[in-house]
Structure formats: C-alpha cells, structure tokens
Amino acid sequence: MDAHNALVEWKKARLNLTKAIQIYKAASTTLETACTQALYHGTKALPIDDACLELDSQSSGLVAEENSLRDTRISLLRLRNQSKRLISINAYPAEVLARIFFYAKRFCYSLGDEREFNVLAEVCSKWRGIVTTQPEMWTHIDVFPNSSLRMARVFLERSQDLPLYVHVVDRSETSAPSLHVRRVIQLLEPHMHRIHSLNFDAQGDRMLQTSMGLLLEAWAEKGPATATSLHFYRHRGKSVYYPDLVESEEGVQETHVTPSNVFSSIRTLHLEGVLFDKQNPVYRGLVDLRLHGPMRCIVPMATPLDPIISAFDIPVSLLADALAASPQIETLKLSFLNVTPEEGWHSPGPIQLEYLKVLDISGLDARSTKLVLALISQPNSSAKLSVGLTFYIHDAFEETIGFFSRSEVTAVYRKDDVEHLMLWGLPKPISHLLVSDTAVVERQSIMIQQAQEENLIPGPLNFTPIPHLILRSCMFTLEALVELIRACNTQSIVFDQCTYLGERLPDEGGEMEGLSMDGLATDLSLSCPSVQCIVLEIGPVVWPGANLFQGRI
C-alpha cells in the first residue's frame, strides 16, 4: 500500500476511534450514574457488586490499551518530526542542533527558573537524545535551598569533564555553616578542579562568614588554575564582609591571604557587600570589576537627586592598586559605596586604561566621584567608551572636566546633582562632556535662565559636537532645546517620556503647563529642519551600553 492510501485508511480509523471514544465515554457516564442512583436508593446490592467486579477485571486491559495508544501517538510524532517542511529545525545535523539548544536554553536561579532545567529534552525523543548526550547542556549548576541534590549530581555526571559554572544560593539565618552549604561542599569537592566560575548568593540577614569561608577555602585549595570568574553577593548584610579576615588565638582579627592559583586567574570579579584585602591576587589582571554596597547599608533617598549615603567603604588605595594591576580592564562599575581617602596616601595620577569600554559610577557621591575620576584616563577612541555618572557641577567639577579632557568617550549616561539643567546662551554645563557620539540626559528641566541667578559655573564658549542626544524623563522648552541642538551640532534627538513646556518659559508668575508631544516634531522642524526627531511615549530607549547602566551589577 502506498503512503496516500495508507493515510486515507489511517484517517478513517482515526474517525472511528473518535466515535468509539465518544460512545465509550457516554456508556461509562451512564453506568456510573445508574450505580450511584442504585446505591442512593438502597437497591439490592447484587447488580452493583457484579458491575464493580467487572470493572475490576477490565481495568488492567484499559491500562494496556491506554499505553498502546500513547506509544502509537509517540511513534507517529517521531515520524512527523522527520518532516523538513513542518519542523525545519530538524533538517540540521545533531551537532548544529546541539549548539542551537545550548544558546537557547534558559538557566540560572537568579532568572527565576528554579525548576526549569533543560525543557528542550521534553519536546521529542530526537531532541532528548541530543540534549542528554551533549555535555555542554549540563555545565551550569544551580544549587538553591530546598532543591534536590540529585539533580545536581545528574548535571555533574552529564557534563563529563567540561568546565563548570556553579551558582550556590543560601538563605540561612545563622552565622554557623548551614547543613545545606555543608552538603553542597561535600557534593562539589570531587569536582572543584572543574569549577571555572563560582557564584555564591547569600540572601539571609546574617553574615554567613563560615559558609562563605568554607566554600571559598575548598575552591581555593582544589580549584583550577584557569578559573575565570567569581561572583559574591550579600544583599542584606549590615556591614562589609572580608573573607581574608581571620581571628587569631588572641581574638584579634588579622588579614590572611591564602596563596591560590585560582584567585590569580580570575578575570571577572563581581562583589556585593564583600571585599578582599588589597594584597589578594584576585584584584590583578581583571577584565570586569563590579563592586556594589549591600542594600541594607544604603540610606533611602527622599528623591532621586538626594545624595547617596552608604556604610560600605572601600579605600581608594585598593581601587588604585586594582586598576594599576589590571591594564586590560574593559568594565568598571561602582555603585552605592564610599571611596575613602587614606592618610598619607598620594594619588598615582591618571592610570591609562586603553581597553576600558564601560565606566559606571552614577551611584557614587561627590567625594567618591572625584577620587575615581582622578584615577582614570582612557585615550583610546577605538574602545568606544560609554560612561555613566552623576554630574556634580559644584563638588566634582574640575575632576569631571579633567577626565573628559584626557579621555575618548563615545556615549554618556548622565545624571545631575541639581534639579534643573539651566542653559544660558551658548556656554552650558553639558558642553563639558566631551562625547564623540551619544549623550543621555535624565530627569532634567532644560530651560534658559541667567547664569548669575543660578550661581553656576559657565561652560566653554565652544561646544563639542554631540551627534546623538537622548533626553529621558526631562522637561524642556522649545527655545532651550533649539539652543542646545545648535550648540552641540546635534543630528538626531530622542525624547523618552518627556514633558514639552511650549516655546519658552512664561513671564514671572505664569504657570507652566505640559503640551502634547505630538506637535513637537513640527515645531522643531521649523527651527532645525535637518534634525531627526524621535518621540517615545512608552518603553526604554535603546542606546549604546544601556543594559550595562541599568539594573543589577
């Protein structure tokens, strides 16, 4: 029989099966109703007993028939999956599918997929065969509270000898090592030499020094000399935790740096509420350094413009030594911490970081901003540096100007320490940001006023061109906007959830009212016809490096 005739016969059988199932369901419902009514009315039990005995004798046959239908369905689906037209992805060879699956899978406890491991294995037998036989699919191991360590063992086995990324989450509320962490260490100990990336996530109120110390000690002792990254998060700590501090027999805390090839090979270091001693080799040769104060240390701000207050202190000498020892660093993010000067310490001057691509210090206060900017120089334009900072026009003005004067900056994500970004004629504060491509200004009122009225420091007479300007959540007048565009020689401007106040500020005593953004493009085209104007009412603006300046470290 050819395929066409076989398909016709199958469709007839499929229709008969549907009718038979409907008849069977109706008969089953009738039988159940009749027996239930008989029991309710106290009818003689013999017919009901006969029915129950017959159901019992038929039950095994029903199970076999259900399993047979399931096996038939799976077999037909396997046949369907061979169609290149219906499922084109299956036209690729297994090794190509394996790479697609590797990049398409979702993992990591921090993403919220606590129980979603490799769901691709559940699609069909072909995909399951690919997923279960490709060790790359099993190299990310999440171990979180109440999770089964049996699943972690499966990942360890199926990943074979490949490098591992291990993410350990602990919510213990005691300072003693939790049973959860002890079991995790016992499970991972034979595989420590394979852990190239370690992520420890402490979510409890206590400091958990012992738990952290045990895990770090085991990794430092048996980890690979080719380890790449260390992530250490303490979201709810009340003070800084130093893994290097140990208590002596006399009860005095001393710095103890464990010699380890693991720490020397780290290239990505993310710390939240945690710091290592500056002598630790973990700060040398970094490509990605991100330091964040624990959220419990941060005093809430009344408004986004209030100064940042944090109890998380980092010595400026530690940061200077880390940057000097990491000339190839590409990403530096410092948030919600205090960079503190030290008595007798002298700045080495700007350190050339020619590979730096992202610098985010928008979460620092004025003193910390001054100290950090004085340490950095980026003269390499090909790196396309993006900078996020708070522009302290009164407290960190000279250091900000000095940094932009000696650095090649492609894009700026700018916040300000004053509520209004006032523009007066051509010399404007924004001109001090020497940017070659994009500038982002957030939450500012852009209007023209007299410089002496605001007691602001005038900018230079000549502006540096800013081809692309992005205003986020800003208020502005058309008069000030046109002046800004002309002064910066801007080619395109994007408005993200902004408020248009009309042509100019009202006379003294007048009220400002927001106008519809619908007419802005027309009004702007009369004065700046060559400028591209984009108005976004809802949704984030896509700009270079935006994802690196928003969200967690």
Protein backbone atom coordinates (compact mmCIF):
# COMPACT_ATOMS: atom_id res chain seq x y z
CA MET A 1 0.00 0.00 0.00
CA ASP A 2 1.36 3.43 -0.91
CA ALA A 3 1.58 6.34 1.50
CA HIS A 4 -1.53 8.08 0.14
CA ASN A 5 -3.82 5.08 0.59
CA ALA A 6 -2.28 4.37 3.99
CA LEU A 7 -3.08 7.93 5.05
CA VAL A 8 -6.71 7.56 3.87
CA GLU A 9 -7.11 4.37 5.90
CA TRP A 10 -5.49 5.99 8.94
CA LYS A 11 -7.90 8.94 8.79
CA LYS A 12 -10.87 6.52 8.66
CA ALA A 13 -9.50 4.63 11.65
CA ARG A 14 -8.87 7.91 13.46
CA LEU A 15 -12.51 8.93 12.89
CA ASN A 16 -13.74 5.55 14.11
CA LEU A 17 -11.54 5.90 17.20
CA THR A 18 -13.04 9.30 17.95
CA LYS A 19 -16.59 7.90 17.63
CA ALA A 20 -15.68 4.88 19.75
CA ILE A 21 -14.24 7.10 22.47
CA GLN A 22 -17.40 9.21 22.48
CA ILE A 23 -19.60 6.10 22.73
CA TYR A 24 -17.35 4.68 25.45
CA LYS A 25 -17.46 7.90 27.48
CA ALA A 26 -21.25 8.08 27.21
CA ALA A 27 -21.64 4.44 28.31
CA SER A 28 -19.24 4.98 31.21
CA THR A 29 -21.19 8.03 32.36
CA THR A 30 -24.49 6.10 32.14
CA LEU A 31 -23.04 3.19 34.13
CA GLU A 32 -21.67 5.50 36.82
CA THR A 33 -24.99 7.35 37.12
CA ALA A 34 -27.05 4.14 37.34
CA CYS A 35 -24.84 2.61 40.02
CA THR A 36 -24.76 5.83 42.03
CA GLN A 37 -28.56 6.11 41.99
CA ALA A 38 -28.95 2.46 42.97
CA LEU A 39 -26.69 2.95 45.96
CA TYR A 40 -28.55 6.13 46.93
CA HIS A 41 -32.00 4.44 46.81
CA GLY A 42 -30.82 1.31 48.61
CA THR A 43 -31.37 -1.03 45.67
CA LYS A 44 -30.35 -4.67 46.07
CA ALA A 45 -26.54 -4.74 46.07
CA LEU A 46 -26.03 -7.78 43.80
CA PRO A 47 -26.16 -5.94 40.41
CA ILE A 48 -23.87 -3.23 41.73
CA ASP A 49 -21.38 -5.79 43.01
CA ASP A 50 -21.42 -7.51 39.62
CA ALA A 51 -20.67 -4.17 37.92
CA CYS A 52 -17.76 -3.42 40.28
CA LEU A 53 -16.28 -6.89 39.77
CA GLU A 54 -16.49 -6.44 36.00
CA LEU A 55 -14.82 -3.02 36.20
CA ASP A 56 -12.02 -4.52 38.26
CA SER A 57 -11.41 -7.30 35.76
CA GLN A 58 -11.38 -4.84 32.84
CA SER A 59 -9.09 -2.24 34.47
CA SER A 60 -5.81 -3.94 33.53
CA GLY A 61 -6.93 -4.16 29.93
CA LEU A 62 -7.83 -0.46 29.93
CA VAL A 63 -4.34 0.45 31.14
CA ALA A 64 -2.74 -1.64 28.41
CA GLU A 65 -4.93 -0.02 25.75
CA GLU A 66 -4.15 3.49 27.03
CA ASN A 67 -0.41 2.72 26.95
CA SER A 68 -0.76 1.28 23.47
CA LEU A 69 -2.46 4.46 22.24
CA ARG A 70 0.28 6.57 23.87
CA ASP A 71 3.04 4.52 22.23
CA THR A 72 1.31 4.83 18.87
CA ARG A 73 1.00 8.59 19.26
CA ILE A 74 4.70 8.94 20.14
CA SER A 75 5.65 6.80 17.16
CA LEU A 76 3.57 8.96 14.81
CA LEU A 77 5.04 12.16 16.28
CA ARG A 78 8.51 10.76 15.69
CA LEU A 79 7.50 10.25 12.06
CA ARG A 80 6.13 13.81 11.91
CA ASN A 81 9.39 15.24 13.25
CA GLN A 82 11.21 13.89 10.22
CA SER A 83 9.40 16.41 8.01
CA LYS A 84 11.76 19.23 7.00
CA ARG A 85 8.81 21.36 5.93
CA LEU A 86 6.85 21.07 9.16
CA ILE A 87 9.83 21.25 11.53
CA SER A 88 12.63 22.87 9.56
CA ILE A 89 14.99 22.95 12.54
CA ASN A 90 15.25 19.17 12.40
CA ALA A 91 16.87 19.47 8.98
CA TYR A 92 20.09 20.48 10.75
CA PRO A 93 22.54 17.80 11.87
CA ALA A 94 22.66 16.87 15.54
CA GLU A 95 25.87 18.80 16.26
CA VAL A 96 24.32 22.03 14.90
CA LEU A 97 21.12 21.47 16.89
CA ALA A 98 23.25 20.97 19.99
CA ARG A 99 24.77 24.45 19.60
CA ILE A 100 21.32 25.99 18.97
CA PHE A 101 19.97 24.31 22.09
CA PHE A 102 22.97 25.46 24.12
CA TYR A 103 22.37 29.13 23.32
CA ALA A 104 18.57 28.85 23.54
CA LYS A 105 18.32 27.22 26.95
CA ARG A 106 17.30 29.24 29.99
CA PHE A 107 19.06 28.61 33.24
CA CYS A 108 20.30 30.26 36.43
CA TYR A 109 18.45 30.61 39.71
CA SER A 110 18.69 34.41 39.51
CA LEU A 111 16.46 34.38 36.42
CA GLY A 112 13.69 32.73 38.41
CA ASP A 113 13.82 29.39 36.59
CA GLU A 114 14.31 27.38 39.76
CA ARG A 115 12.84 24.19 38.35
CA GLU A 116 13.25 24.79 34.63
CA PHE A 117 16.39 22.94 33.64
CA ASN A 118 16.61 21.51 30.14
CA VAL A 119 12.98 21.56 28.99
CA LEU A 120 14.12 21.03 25.40
CA ALA A 121 14.66 17.39 26.31
CA GLU A 122 10.88 17.01 26.71
CA VAL A 123 9.97 18.01 23.13
CA CYS A 124 10.62 14.70 21.41
CA SER A 125 12.90 11.69 21.57
CA LYS A 126 15.27 13.15 18.97
CA TRP A 127 15.75 16.34 20.94
CA ARG A 128 16.06 14.39 24.17
CA GLY A 129 18.81 12.31 22.64
CA ILE A 130 20.70 15.43 21.61
CA VAL A 131 20.26 17.22 24.93
CA THR A 132 21.19 14.28 27.13
CA THR A 133 24.29 13.38 25.12
CA GLN A 134 25.73 16.90 24.82
CA PRO A 135 27.77 17.71 27.96
CA GLU A 136 27.70 21.46 27.18
CA MET A 137 24.00 21.48 28.09
CA TRP A 138 24.74 20.48 31.69
CA THR A 139 27.61 22.76 32.72
CA HIS A 140 25.53 25.39 34.59
CA ILE A 141 24.63 24.00 38.01
CA ASP A 142 22.23 25.82 40.33
CA VAL A 143 22.07 24.69 43.95
CA PHE A 144 19.46 26.58 45.96
CA PRO A 145 17.57 25.95 49.22
CA ASN A 146 15.11 23.05 49.13
CA SER A 147 16.49 21.88 45.80
CA SER A 148 17.29 18.23 45.30
CA LEU A 149 20.99 17.48 45.16
CA ARG A 150 20.11 14.50 42.96
CA MET A 151 19.54 16.89 40.07
CA ALA A 152 22.93 18.50 40.72
CA ARG A 153 24.51 15.04 40.60
CA VAL A 154 22.87 14.45 37.21
CA PHE A 155 24.38 17.70 35.94
CA LEU A 156 27.82 16.78 37.31
CA GLU A 157 27.66 13.39 35.62
CA ARG A 158 26.34 14.54 32.24
CA SER A 159 28.73 17.49 31.99
CA GLN A 160 31.56 14.94 31.93
CA ASP A 161 34.92 16.76 32.30
CA LEU A 162 33.88 20.18 30.96
CA PRO A 163 34.39 23.42 32.95
CA LEU A 164 31.52 24.17 35.33
CA TYR A 165 29.59 27.30 36.29
CA VAL A 166 28.27 26.78 39.84
CA HIS A 167 25.68 29.05 41.48
CA VAL A 168 25.09 28.39 45.20
CA VAL A 169 22.23 30.18 46.98
CA ASP A 170 21.99 30.22 50.78
CA ARG A 171 19.18 31.75 52.85
CA SER A 172 20.44 30.66 56.28
CA GLU A 173 19.69 32.97 59.19
CA THR A 174 22.59 31.84 61.39
CA SER A 175 26.28 32.64 61.26
CA ALA A 176 27.20 28.95 61.55
CA PRO A 177 27.64 26.97 58.33
CA SER A 178 24.27 25.63 57.26
CA LEU A 179 23.65 21.96 56.60
CA HIS A 180 22.72 22.98 53.06
CA VAL A 181 26.16 24.52 52.41
CA ARG A 182 27.99 21.58 54.02
CA ARG A 183 26.15 19.14 51.75
CA VAL A 184 26.88 21.30 48.72
CA ILE A 185 30.59 21.40 49.52
CA GLN A 186 30.64 17.64 50.02
CA LEU A 187 28.91 17.16 46.66
CA LEU A 188 31.19 19.57 44.77
CA GLU A 189 34.51 18.68 46.40
CA PRO A 190 35.46 15.93 43.90
CA HIS A 191 34.68 18.38 41.07
CA MET A 192 36.37 21.53 42.44
CA HIS A 193 39.06 21.27 39.76
CA ARG A 194 36.34 21.77 37.12
CA ILE A 195 34.65 24.86 38.63
CA HIS A 196 35.84 27.74 36.46
CA SER A 197 33.13 30.14 37.66
CA LEU A 198 31.72 30.33 41.18
CA ASN A 199 28.67 32.36 42.21
CA PHE A 200 27.77 32.50 45.91
CA ASP A 201 24.48 34.24 46.69
CA ALA A 202 23.81 34.89 50.40
CA GLN A 203 20.23 36.04 50.95
CA GLY A 204 19.96 35.77 54.74
CA ASP A 205 20.35 38.52 57.34
CA ARG A 206 23.47 37.06 58.95
CA MET A 207 26.95 37.43 57.51
CA LEU A 208 27.45 33.70 56.93
CA GLN A 209 31.23 34.06 57.19
CA THR A 210 31.73 30.38 57.92
CA SER A 211 29.62 29.17 55.00
CA MET A 212 31.34 31.56 52.61
CA GLY A 213 34.75 30.77 54.04
CA LEU A 214 34.32 27.00 53.75
CA LEU A 215 33.25 27.20 50.12
CA LEU A 216 35.99 29.66 49.17
CA GLU A 217 38.64 27.66 51.03
CA ALA A 218 37.68 24.45 49.25
CA TRP A 219 37.69 26.19 45.86
CA ALA A 220 40.98 27.99 46.53
CA GLU A 221 42.62 24.71 47.53
CA LYS A 222 41.36 22.44 44.76
CA GLY A 223 40.05 24.79 42.06
CA PRO A 224 41.61 25.09 38.59
CA ALA A 225 44.42 27.49 37.75
CA THR A 226 42.30 28.53 34.75
CA ALA A 227 39.28 29.81 36.74
CA THR A 228 37.63 32.81 35.09
CA SER A 229 35.07 34.45 37.37
CA LEU A 230 33.95 34.91 40.97
CA HIS A 231 30.58 36.38 41.97
CA PHE A 232 29.92 37.05 45.66
CA TYR A 233 26.62 38.66 46.68
CA ARG A 234 25.40 39.64 50.16
CA HIS A 235 22.17 41.53 49.59
CA ARG A 236 21.11 42.05 53.20
CA GLY A 237 24.32 42.47 55.16
CA LYS A 238 24.70 45.39 57.56
CA SER A 239 28.46 45.75 57.13
CA VAL A 240 31.27 44.79 54.80
CA TYR A 241 32.45 41.18 54.89
CA TYR A 242 36.16 40.49 54.34
CA PRO A 243 36.84 36.80 53.56
CA ASP A 244 40.53 37.49 54.23
CA LEU A 245 39.98 38.46 57.87
CA VAL A 246 40.61 35.62 60.33
CA GLU A 247 40.51 35.71 64.11
CA SER A 248 43.75 34.84 65.89
CA GLU A 249 44.05 32.91 69.15
CA GLU A 250 44.21 36.23 70.98
CA GLY A 251 40.85 37.22 69.50
CA VAL A 252 42.37 39.80 67.15
CA GLN A 253 41.27 39.92 63.51
CA GLU A 254 44.19 39.63 61.11
CA THR A 255 44.46 39.64 57.34
CA HIS A 256 45.28 36.22 55.94
CA VAL A 257 45.62 35.88 52.17
CA THR A 258 45.62 32.26 51.04
CA PRO A 259 48.09 31.68 48.18
CA SER A 260 45.99 30.28 45.37
CA ASN A 261 46.34 29.93 41.63
CA VAL A 262 42.55 30.15 41.46
CA PHE A 263 42.42 33.78 42.62
CA SER A 264 45.34 34.74 40.39
CA SER A 265 43.48 33.58 37.28
CA ILE A 266 40.18 35.42 37.96
CA ARG A 267 39.27 37.86 35.18
CA THR A 268 35.67 38.70 36.18
CA LEU A 269 35.03 39.80 39.78
CA HIS A 270 31.58 40.89 40.99
CA LEU A 271 31.25 41.69 44.71
CA GLU A 272 28.21 42.95 46.62
CA GLY A 273 28.73 43.65 50.31
CA VAL A 274 32.07 41.81 50.13
CA LEU A 275 35.68 42.96 49.74
CA PHE A 276 39.00 41.14 49.64
CA ASP A 277 42.20 42.57 51.08
CA LYS A 278 44.11 44.69 48.58
CA GLN A 279 47.03 42.24 48.76
CA ASN A 280 44.83 39.45 47.43
CA PRO A 281 45.82 38.43 43.87
CA VAL A 282 42.12 38.37 42.95
CA TYR A 283 42.43 42.07 42.01
CA ARG A 284 45.16 41.50 39.42
CA GLY A 285 44.61 41.09 35.71
CA LEU A 286 40.87 41.80 35.82
CA VAL A 287 38.78 42.45 32.72
CA ASP A 288 35.46 43.05 34.52
CA LEU A 289 35.29 44.56 38.04
CA ARG A 290 31.97 45.43 39.70
CA LEU A 291 31.67 46.49 43.34
CA HIS A 292 28.31 47.18 44.98
CA GLY A 293 27.36 48.02 48.56
CA PRO A 294 24.78 45.74 50.22
CA MET A 295 21.30 47.24 50.01
CA ARG A 296 20.92 47.11 53.81
CA CYS A 297 23.81 49.61 54.03
CA ILE A 298 22.10 52.22 51.85
CA VAL A 299 20.04 55.00 53.39
CA PRO A 300 16.86 55.51 51.29
CA MET A 301 16.79 58.74 49.32
CA ALA A 302 13.82 61.07 49.53
CA THR A 303 14.22 61.92 45.85
CA PRO A 304 16.47 60.58 43.07
CA LEU A 305 18.57 63.75 43.41
CA ASP A 306 19.38 63.35 47.11
CA PRO A 307 22.99 62.42 47.97
CA ILE A 308 23.77 58.74 48.29
CA ILE A 309 24.61 57.60 51.82
CA SER A 310 26.22 54.20 52.26
CA ALA A 311 28.07 52.44 55.06
CA PHE A 312 30.10 50.44 52.56
CA ASP A 313 33.62 51.90 52.49
CA ILE A 314 36.39 50.98 50.07
CA PRO A 315 39.88 52.50 50.41
CA VAL A 316 40.93 54.49 47.37
CA SER A 317 44.34 52.76 47.51
CA LEU A 318 42.65 49.39 46.96
CA LEU A 319 40.90 50.67 43.85
CA ALA A 320 44.06 52.36 42.55
CA ASP A 321 46.13 49.20 43.03
CA ALA A 322 43.45 47.07 41.34
CA LEU A 323 43.31 49.36 38.29
CA ALA A 324 47.09 49.58 38.04
CA ALA A 325 47.30 45.77 38.15
CA SER A 326 44.53 45.39 35.53
CA PRO A 327 45.60 47.43 32.48
CA GLN A 328 43.28 45.43 30.19
CA ILE A 329 40.11 46.06 32.19
CA GLU A 330 37.04 46.61 29.99
CA THR A 331 34.21 47.10 32.51
CA LEU A 332 34.29 49.02 35.81
CA LYS A 333 31.08 49.52 37.80
CA LEU A 334 31.00 51.06 41.28
CA SER A 335 27.62 51.52 42.98
CA PHE A 336 26.38 52.54 46.43
CA LEU A 337 29.74 52.62 48.16
CA ASN A 338 32.08 55.22 49.62
CA VAL A 339 35.55 55.55 48.14
CA THR A 340 37.54 56.83 51.11
CA PRO A 341 40.89 58.67 51.13
CA GLU A 342 43.66 57.45 53.43
CA GLU A 343 46.08 59.48 55.50
CA GLY A 344 49.46 59.70 53.81
CA TRP A 345 48.20 58.23 50.52
CA HIS A 346 49.13 60.10 47.36
CA SER A 347 47.34 59.61 44.05
CA PRO A 348 49.49 57.97 41.38
CA GLY A 349 47.79 60.19 38.82
CA PRO A 350 45.56 59.03 35.97
CA ILE A 351 46.06 55.37 35.06
CA GLN A 352 45.75 54.68 31.34
CA LEU A 353 43.07 52.05 30.74
CA GLU A 354 43.12 51.77 26.96
CA TYR A 355 40.67 48.84 26.82
CA LEU A 356 38.00 50.36 29.09
CA LYS A 357 34.59 50.18 27.39
CA VAL A 358 32.13 50.72 30.25
CA LEU A 359 32.55 53.01 33.27
CA ASP A 360 29.51 53.29 35.55
CA ILE A 361 29.90 55.45 38.67
CA SER A 362 26.43 57.02 38.64
CA GLY A 363 25.73 55.54 42.09
CA LEU A 364 28.60 57.38 43.84
CA ASP A 365 28.55 60.55 45.92
CA ALA A 366 30.60 63.63 45.00
CA ARG A 367 33.71 62.76 47.03
CA SER A 368 33.85 59.22 45.64
CA THR A 369 33.30 60.51 42.10
CA LYS A 370 36.22 62.94 42.48
CA LEU A 371 38.58 60.21 43.70
CA VAL A 372 37.60 57.70 41.00
CA LEU A 373 37.71 60.07 38.02
CA ALA A 374 41.15 61.32 39.09
CA LEU A 375 42.46 57.74 38.76
CA ILE A 376 41.34 57.06 35.17
CA SER A 377 42.42 58.04 31.69
CA GLN A 378 41.10 56.41 28.50
CA PRO A 379 42.82 57.86 25.41
CA ASN A 380 41.79 55.05 23.04
CA SER A 381 38.87 56.09 20.81
CA SER A 382 38.55 52.65 19.20
CA ALA A 383 37.36 51.18 22.54
CA LYS A 384 34.15 53.28 22.24
CA LEU A 385 33.91 54.04 25.96
CA SER A 386 30.44 54.51 27.48
CA VAL A 387 30.29 56.41 30.78
CA GLY A 388 27.52 56.61 33.36
CA LEU A 389 28.00 59.27 36.05
CA THR A 390 26.34 61.87 38.20
CA PHE A 391 27.48 65.33 37.11
CA TYR A 392 28.38 67.16 40.33
CA ILE A 393 28.75 70.68 38.97
CA HIS A 394 29.64 72.18 42.37
CA ASP A 395 31.59 69.41 44.14
CA ALA A 396 33.40 67.39 41.45
CA PHE A 397 33.55 69.86 38.59
CA GLU A 398 37.31 70.00 37.99
CA GLU A 399 37.78 66.23 38.21
CA THR A 400 34.91 65.65 35.77
CA ILE A 401 36.32 68.14 33.26
CA GLY A 402 39.79 66.66 33.64
CA PHE A 403 38.55 63.13 32.98
CA PHE A 404 36.64 64.09 29.82
CA SER A 405 39.55 66.20 28.58
CA ARG A 406 42.02 63.31 28.68
CA SER A 407 39.62 60.52 27.68
CA GLU A 408 37.90 59.50 24.45
CA VAL A 409 34.23 58.97 25.36
CA THR A 410 31.68 57.70 22.85
CA ALA A 411 28.49 57.74 24.94
CA VAL A 412 27.42 59.27 28.25
CA TYR A 413 24.56 58.30 30.55
CA ARG A 414 24.29 61.43 32.66
CA LYS A 415 22.52 62.29 35.90
CA ASP A 416 22.82 65.61 37.71
CA ASP A 417 23.08 66.70 41.32
CA VAL A 418 20.81 69.68 40.69
CA GLU A 419 17.15 69.59 39.80
CA HIS A 420 17.43 71.90 36.79
CA LEU A 421 19.95 71.82 33.96
CA MET A 422 19.83 75.55 33.21
CA LEU A 423 21.06 76.79 29.85
CA TRP A 424 22.25 80.35 29.31
CA GLY A 425 23.19 81.37 25.81
CA LEU A 426 25.97 79.24 24.37
CA PRO A 427 28.06 78.36 27.46
CA LYS A 428 26.17 75.45 29.03
CA PRO A 429 27.24 72.80 31.58
CA ILE A 430 26.53 69.93 29.20
CA SER A 431 29.33 71.19 26.94
CA HIS A 432 31.88 69.92 29.44
CA LEU A 433 31.00 66.34 28.49
CA LEU A 434 33.34 65.72 25.58
CA VAL A 435 31.44 62.99 23.77
CA SER A 436 32.06 61.70 20.26
CA ASP A 437 28.70 60.05 19.62
CA THR A 438 25.85 59.83 22.17
CA ALA A 439 24.83 61.70 25.34
CA VAL A 440 21.95 60.62 27.57
CA VAL A 441 20.45 63.19 29.96
CA GLU A 442 17.90 62.02 32.54
CA ARG A 443 15.31 63.78 34.72
CA GLN A 444 16.29 67.40 33.97
CA SER A 445 14.41 70.62 33.28
CA ILE A 446 16.07 72.23 30.26
CA MET A 447 15.33 75.95 30.16
CA ILE A 448 17.19 79.20 29.51
CA GLN A 449 17.99 81.41 32.51
CA GLN A 450 20.73 83.79 33.56
CA ALA A 451 23.90 82.17 34.87
CA GLN A 452 24.28 84.60 37.76
CA GLU A 453 20.80 83.76 39.02
CA GLU A 454 21.69 80.09 39.46
CA ASN A 455 25.28 80.65 40.65
CA LEU A 456 26.51 78.04 38.17
CA ILE A 457 29.96 77.82 36.62
CA PRO A 458 29.79 78.82 32.93
CA GLY A 459 30.96 76.32 30.37
CA PRO A 460 33.36 76.99 27.48
CA LEU A 461 32.34 79.24 24.63
CA ASN A 462 32.68 76.45 22.07
CA PHE A 463 30.72 73.24 22.36
CA THR A 464 31.96 69.77 21.48
CA PRO A 465 29.58 68.28 18.88
CA ILE A 466 27.22 65.61 20.21
CA PRO A 467 25.70 63.89 17.15
CA HIS A 468 23.09 61.89 19.08
CA LEU A 469 21.27 63.28 22.11
CA ILE A 470 18.77 61.34 24.25
CA LEU A 471 16.53 63.01 26.83
CA ARG A 472 14.84 60.70 29.36
CA SER A 473 12.06 61.95 31.65
CA CYS A 474 13.07 65.58 31.02
CA MET A 475 11.08 68.83 30.95
CA PHE A 476 12.07 71.40 28.34
CA THR A 477 11.07 74.49 26.39
CA LEU A 478 11.44 74.73 22.62
CA GLU A 479 13.68 77.80 22.98
CA ALA A 480 16.21 75.96 25.19
CA LEU A 481 16.00 72.80 23.09
CA VAL A 482 16.85 74.65 19.87
CA GLU A 483 19.79 76.38 21.58
CA LEU A 484 21.07 73.04 22.86
CA ILE A 485 20.77 71.34 19.45
CA ARG A 486 22.55 74.16 17.64
CA ALA A 487 25.31 74.45 20.23
CA CYS A 488 26.00 70.70 20.19
CA ASN A 489 25.52 70.38 16.42
CA THR A 490 23.15 67.50 17.15
CA GLN A 491 21.94 65.39 14.21
CA SER A 492 19.30 63.30 15.97
CA ILE A 493 17.43 63.63 19.25
CA VAL A 494 15.25 61.10 21.08
CA PHE A 495 12.62 62.00 23.69
CA ASP A 496 11.78 59.21 26.11
CA GLN A 497 8.73 60.01 28.27
CA CYS A 498 9.49 63.76 28.32
CA THR A 499 7.31 66.84 29.01
CA TYR A 500 7.08 69.65 26.43
CA LEU A 501 6.51 73.06 28.09
CA GLY A 502 5.96 75.11 24.96
CA GLU A 503 8.08 77.72 23.21
CA ARG A 504 9.63 79.43 26.25
CA LEU A 505 9.24 79.97 29.97
CA PRO A 506 6.19 82.07 30.93
CA ASP A 507 6.57 85.52 32.42
CA GLU A 508 7.09 85.86 36.15
CA GLY A 509 4.06 84.50 37.94
CA GLY A 510 2.89 82.48 34.96
CA GLU A 511 2.18 78.78 35.19
CA MET A 512 3.95 76.08 33.17
CA GLU A 513 1.71 73.52 31.53
CA GLY A 514 2.76 70.47 29.58
CA LEU A 515 1.78 70.36 25.91
CA SER A 516 1.20 67.36 23.70
CA MET A 517 4.39 65.83 22.34
CA ASP A 518 2.55 65.24 19.06
CA GLY A 519 3.29 68.78 17.88
CA LEU A 520 6.93 68.82 18.95
CA ALA A 521 8.35 67.38 15.72
CA THR A 522 6.54 70.04 13.67
CA ASP A 523 7.62 72.89 15.97
CA LEU A 524 11.22 71.69 16.00
CA SER A 525 11.38 71.25 12.22
CA LEU A 526 10.75 74.99 11.72
CA SER A 527 13.98 75.87 13.54
CA CYS A 528 16.07 72.72 12.95
CA PRO A 529 14.78 71.11 9.73
CA SER A 530 17.72 68.71 9.33
CA VAL A 531 17.47 67.19 12.83
CA GLN A 532 15.86 63.77 13.16
CA CYS A 533 13.27 63.82 15.98
CA ILE A 534 12.01 60.62 17.64
CA VAL A 535 9.34 60.70 20.37
CA LEU A 536 8.83 57.65 22.57
CA GLU A 537 5.91 57.70 24.99
CA ILE A 538 6.39 54.22 26.47
CA GLY A 539 9.33 51.88 26.60
CA PRO A 540 13.06 52.15 27.14
CA VAL A 541 15.44 53.82 24.74
CA VAL A 542 17.97 51.55 23.09
CA TRP A 543 21.36 53.24 23.21
CA PRO A 544 24.97 52.00 23.34
CA GLY A 545 25.64 50.25 26.64
CA ALA A 546 22.16 50.96 28.07
CA ASN A 547 21.78 47.47 29.51
CA LEU A 548 25.05 47.89 31.42
CA PHE A 549 23.88 51.05 33.20
CA GLN A 550 20.50 49.79 34.36
CA GLY A 551 19.65 47.01 36.81
CA ARG A 552 21.81 44.85 38.98
CA ILE A 553 25.61 44.73 38.85
